Amino acid sequence: MTMSPSVPDPDRPLPPARLALDRSTWREIAHLLVNLPLAVAGFVYALLVIAVGVGLSVTVVGLPVLVGGVRGARWLGRVERGRARSLLGLRIEEPSPLPRGRRHDGVFTWLWSGLKDPVGWRSLLYGFIRLPWGVLTFAVTLVSLIVLWPVLPFIARGLTTADRAMVRGLLSPSDELERRIAELESDRGVVVDTAAADLRR
């Protein structure tokens, strides 16, 4: 049984940037100032996952650590999508969840499904590239608050436009194909379970 994909909510229309600091501008400024601590956390997480997972890949625990890190990166992506939704008015549909393993699936199936997860890998890439961007946006926004406050709404709008593009490009669902693959894998699991039950009977 397949489900029709849900239609994503449209983005909130952005008011034009003005010299006055209105509510949407303050939300954009808050987003830019929070970029730095979250970018540092995302970069450290991605670096640890890659370093520890690849470094220990010659042992038994290396691949499970890497797979667990890739799956955990999905949570970081969810946090960033929520932040973009609340502060930037950006509506991004949640990616399809990983298929749940069945009891008779082995460890290698779990490892392979985690290693080929494009959503987790894109979230790790997002964590890597966000550090220099987070430093830049934090510094520019802080200096603009003190020195360039008359043109701060235009600076904030320009920087958050790049933020919106990064979130759309790396944290949105890949395409319709990703959703369709998840649905087909779920259908295949139902068919296999039904066939096994028929054989047992």
Protein backbone atom coordinates (compact mmCIF):
# COMPACT_ATOMS: atom_id res chain seq x y z
CA MET A 1 0.00 0.00 0.00
CA THR A 2 1.48 3.31 -1.02
CA MET A 3 0.67 6.70 0.33
CA SER A 4 0.54 9.83 -1.74
CA PRO A 5 3.30 12.28 -0.78
CA SER A 6 2.23 15.19 1.32
CA VAL A 7 2.40 18.60 -0.25
CA PRO A 8 4.94 20.79 1.57
CA ASP A 9 3.71 24.00 3.09
CA PRO A 10 4.71 27.07 1.11
CA ASP A 11 7.31 29.40 2.57
CA ARG A 12 6.04 32.39 4.45
CA PRO A 13 6.21 35.39 2.11
CA LEU A 14 9.07 37.63 3.21
CA PRO A 15 8.35 41.31 3.67
CA PRO A 16 10.77 43.59 1.83
CA ALA A 17 13.85 44.65 3.79
CA ARG A 18 13.44 48.15 5.20
CA LEU A 19 15.52 50.54 7.22
CA ALA A 20 13.29 49.96 10.26
CA LEU A 21 14.10 46.86 12.31
CA ASP A 22 10.80 44.98 12.20
CA ARG A 23 9.97 41.57 13.69
CA SER A 24 11.10 39.53 10.69
CA THR A 25 14.44 41.38 10.64
CA TRP A 26 15.03 40.62 14.32
CA ARG A 27 14.27 36.96 13.66
CA GLU A 28 16.81 36.95 10.84
CA ILE A 29 19.39 38.63 13.10
CA ALA A 30 18.74 36.03 15.82
CA HIS A 31 19.21 33.26 13.25
CA LEU A 32 22.54 34.73 12.14
CA LEU A 33 23.84 35.15 15.70
CA VAL A 34 22.90 31.57 16.63
CA ASN A 35 24.71 30.30 13.52
CA LEU A 36 28.10 30.26 15.24
CA PRO A 37 27.42 28.04 18.28
CA LEU A 38 25.32 25.61 16.25
CA ALA A 39 27.91 25.57 13.46
CA VAL A 40 30.67 24.73 15.97
CA ALA A 41 28.55 21.92 17.45
CA GLY A 42 27.71 20.52 14.01
CA PHE A 43 31.32 20.69 12.83
CA VAL A 44 32.65 18.95 15.96
CA TYR A 45 30.00 16.23 15.63
CA ALA A 46 30.72 15.63 11.93
CA LEU A 47 34.48 15.61 12.53
CA LEU A 48 34.20 13.13 15.40
CA VAL A 49 31.90 10.82 13.44
CA ILE A 50 34.21 10.72 10.42
CA ALA A 51 37.46 10.54 12.38
CA VAL A 52 36.35 7.89 14.86
CA GLY A 53 34.30 5.88 12.37
CA VAL A 54 36.99 5.80 9.67
CA GLY A 55 39.80 5.43 12.20
CA LEU A 56 38.16 2.42 13.81
CA SER A 57 36.94 0.89 10.53
CA VAL A 58 39.79 -1.63 10.68
CA THR A 59 38.18 -3.03 13.84
CA VAL A 60 34.77 -4.53 14.45
CA VAL A 61 33.33 -1.37 16.06
CA GLY A 62 34.31 1.10 13.33
CA LEU A 63 31.41 0.64 10.93
CA PRO A 64 28.70 0.57 13.63
CA VAL A 65 30.11 3.82 15.05
CA LEU A 66 30.06 5.39 11.58
CA VAL A 67 26.52 4.19 10.89
CA GLY A 68 25.33 5.45 14.28
CA GLY A 69 26.92 8.82 13.56
CA VAL A 70 25.28 9.08 10.15
CA ARG A 71 21.90 8.21 11.67
CA GLY A 72 22.47 10.77 14.43
CA ALA A 73 23.20 13.43 11.82
CA ARG A 74 19.58 13.14 10.77
CA TRP A 75 18.65 14.62 14.16
CA LEU A 76 20.99 17.59 13.56
CA GLY A 77 19.29 18.15 10.22
CA ARG A 78 15.89 18.11 11.92
CA VAL A 79 17.07 20.75 14.41
CA GLU A 80 18.31 23.00 11.60
CA ARG A 81 15.09 22.60 9.62
CA GLY A 82 13.11 23.55 12.74
CA ARG A 83 15.30 26.62 13.28
CA ALA A 84 14.87 27.70 9.67
CA ARG A 85 11.12 27.15 9.99
CA SER A 86 10.73 29.24 13.14
CA LEU A 87 13.19 32.06 12.42
CA LEU A 88 13.29 32.29 8.62
CA GLY A 89 9.78 31.13 7.73
CA LEU A 90 11.23 28.39 5.54
CA ARG A 91 9.02 25.34 5.05
CA ILE A 92 11.07 22.24 4.28
CA GLU A 93 9.40 18.84 4.18
CA GLU A 94 10.95 16.22 6.46
CA PRO A 95 12.91 13.52 4.57
CA SER A 96 11.55 10.00 4.51
CA PRO A 97 12.59 7.98 7.59
CA LEU A 98 14.97 5.07 7.32
CA PRO A 99 13.16 1.76 6.80
CA ARG A 100 12.78 -0.21 9.99
CA GLY A 101 14.67 -3.47 10.04
CA ARG A 102 12.85 -6.72 10.51
CA ARG A 103 13.80 -9.33 13.08
CA HIS A 104 15.29 -11.71 10.52
CA ASP A 105 17.44 -8.96 8.97
CA GLY A 106 21.07 -9.26 9.91
CA VAL A 107 23.62 -6.77 11.18
CA PHE A 108 25.02 -6.29 7.69
CA THR A 109 21.63 -5.17 6.38
CA TRP A 110 21.44 -2.58 9.16
CA LEU A 111 24.99 -1.42 8.41
CA TRP A 112 24.37 -1.17 4.69
CA SER A 113 21.11 0.78 5.07
CA GLY A 114 22.89 3.25 7.36
CA LEU A 115 25.94 3.65 5.13
CA LYS A 116 23.88 4.42 2.04
CA ASP A 117 21.59 6.95 3.78
CA PRO A 118 21.85 10.15 1.67
CA VAL A 119 19.96 12.26 4.22
CA GLY A 120 22.47 11.50 6.99
CA TRP A 121 25.48 12.12 4.75
CA ARG A 122 24.09 15.44 3.52
CA SER A 123 23.49 16.49 7.13
CA LEU A 124 27.14 15.68 7.94
CA LEU A 125 28.25 17.72 4.91
CA TYR A 126 26.04 20.57 6.13
CA GLY A 127 27.80 20.41 9.50
CA PHE A 128 31.19 20.64 7.82
CA ILE A 129 30.52 23.62 5.57
CA ARG A 130 28.58 25.57 8.18
CA LEU A 131 31.58 26.40 10.40
CA PRO A 132 33.24 29.03 8.18
CA TRP A 133 29.84 30.40 7.21
CA GLY A 134 28.77 30.58 10.86
CA VAL A 135 31.93 32.49 11.82
CA LEU A 136 31.41 34.92 8.93
CA THR A 137 27.72 35.57 9.58
CA PHE A 138 28.25 36.00 13.33
CA ALA A 139 31.09 38.49 12.84
CA VAL A 140 29.32 40.50 10.12
CA THR A 141 26.05 40.63 12.06
CA LEU A 142 27.74 41.65 15.31
CA VAL A 143 29.75 44.41 13.62
CA SER A 144 26.66 45.59 11.75
CA LEU A 145 24.67 45.82 14.99
CA ILE A 146 27.27 48.22 16.37
CA VAL A 147 28.52 50.13 13.33
CA LEU A 148 26.32 49.51 10.30
CA TRP A 149 22.91 49.34 11.97
CA PRO A 150 21.23 51.68 9.41
CA VAL A 151 21.75 49.06 6.67
CA LEU A 152 21.53 46.01 8.94
CA PRO A 153 18.13 44.84 7.54
CA PHE A 154 19.62 44.58 4.04
CA ILE A 155 22.74 42.78 5.30
CA ALA A 156 20.62 40.35 7.33
CA ARG A 157 18.36 39.65 4.37
CA GLY A 158 21.33 38.95 2.09
CA LEU A 159 23.01 36.59 4.57
CA THR A 160 19.82 34.71 5.43
CA THR A 161 19.07 34.28 1.72
CA ALA A 162 22.29 32.26 1.49
CA ASP A 163 21.23 30.35 4.64
CA ARG A 164 17.90 29.51 3.04
CA ALA A 165 19.65 28.22 -0.07
CA MET A 166 21.94 25.96 2.01
CA VAL A 167 19.04 24.51 4.00
CA ARG A 168 17.04 23.87 0.82
CA GLY A 169 20.01 22.35 -0.98
CA LEU A 170 21.33 20.03 1.74
CA LEU A 171 18.55 19.39 4.27
CA SER A 172 15.47 18.98 2.09
CA PRO A 173 14.38 15.58 0.75
CA SER A 174 16.45 14.50 -2.25
CA ASP A 175 13.52 14.19 -4.61
CA GLU A 176 10.48 12.10 -5.31
CA LEU A 177 12.72 9.11 -6.00
CA GLU A 178 13.92 8.96 -2.36
CA ARG A 179 10.35 8.85 -1.10
CA ARG A 180 9.37 6.25 -3.68
CA ILE A 181 12.32 4.01 -2.74
CA ALA A 182 11.30 4.12 0.93
CA GLU A 183 7.74 3.19 0.02
CA LEU A 184 8.89 0.31 -2.20
CA GLU A 185 11.19 -1.02 0.53
CA SER A 186 8.31 -0.93 2.99
CA ASP A 187 6.05 -2.75 0.50
CA ARG A 188 8.75 -5.34 -0.12
CA GLY A 189 9.01 -5.99 3.63
CA VAL A 190 5.26 -6.57 3.85
CA VAL A 191 5.39 -9.00 0.91
CA VAL A 192 8.33 -10.93 2.39
CA ASP A 193 6.65 -11.18 5.80
CA THR A 194 3.40 -12.39 4.19
CA ALA A 195 5.24 -15.00 2.09
CA ALA A 196 7.10 -16.24 5.17
CA ALA A 197 3.85 -16.56 7.10
CA ASP A 198 2.30 -18.49 4.18
CA LEU A 199 5.29 -20.86 4.10
CA ARG A 200 5.03 -21.45 7.83
CA ARG A 201 1.35 -22.32 7.47
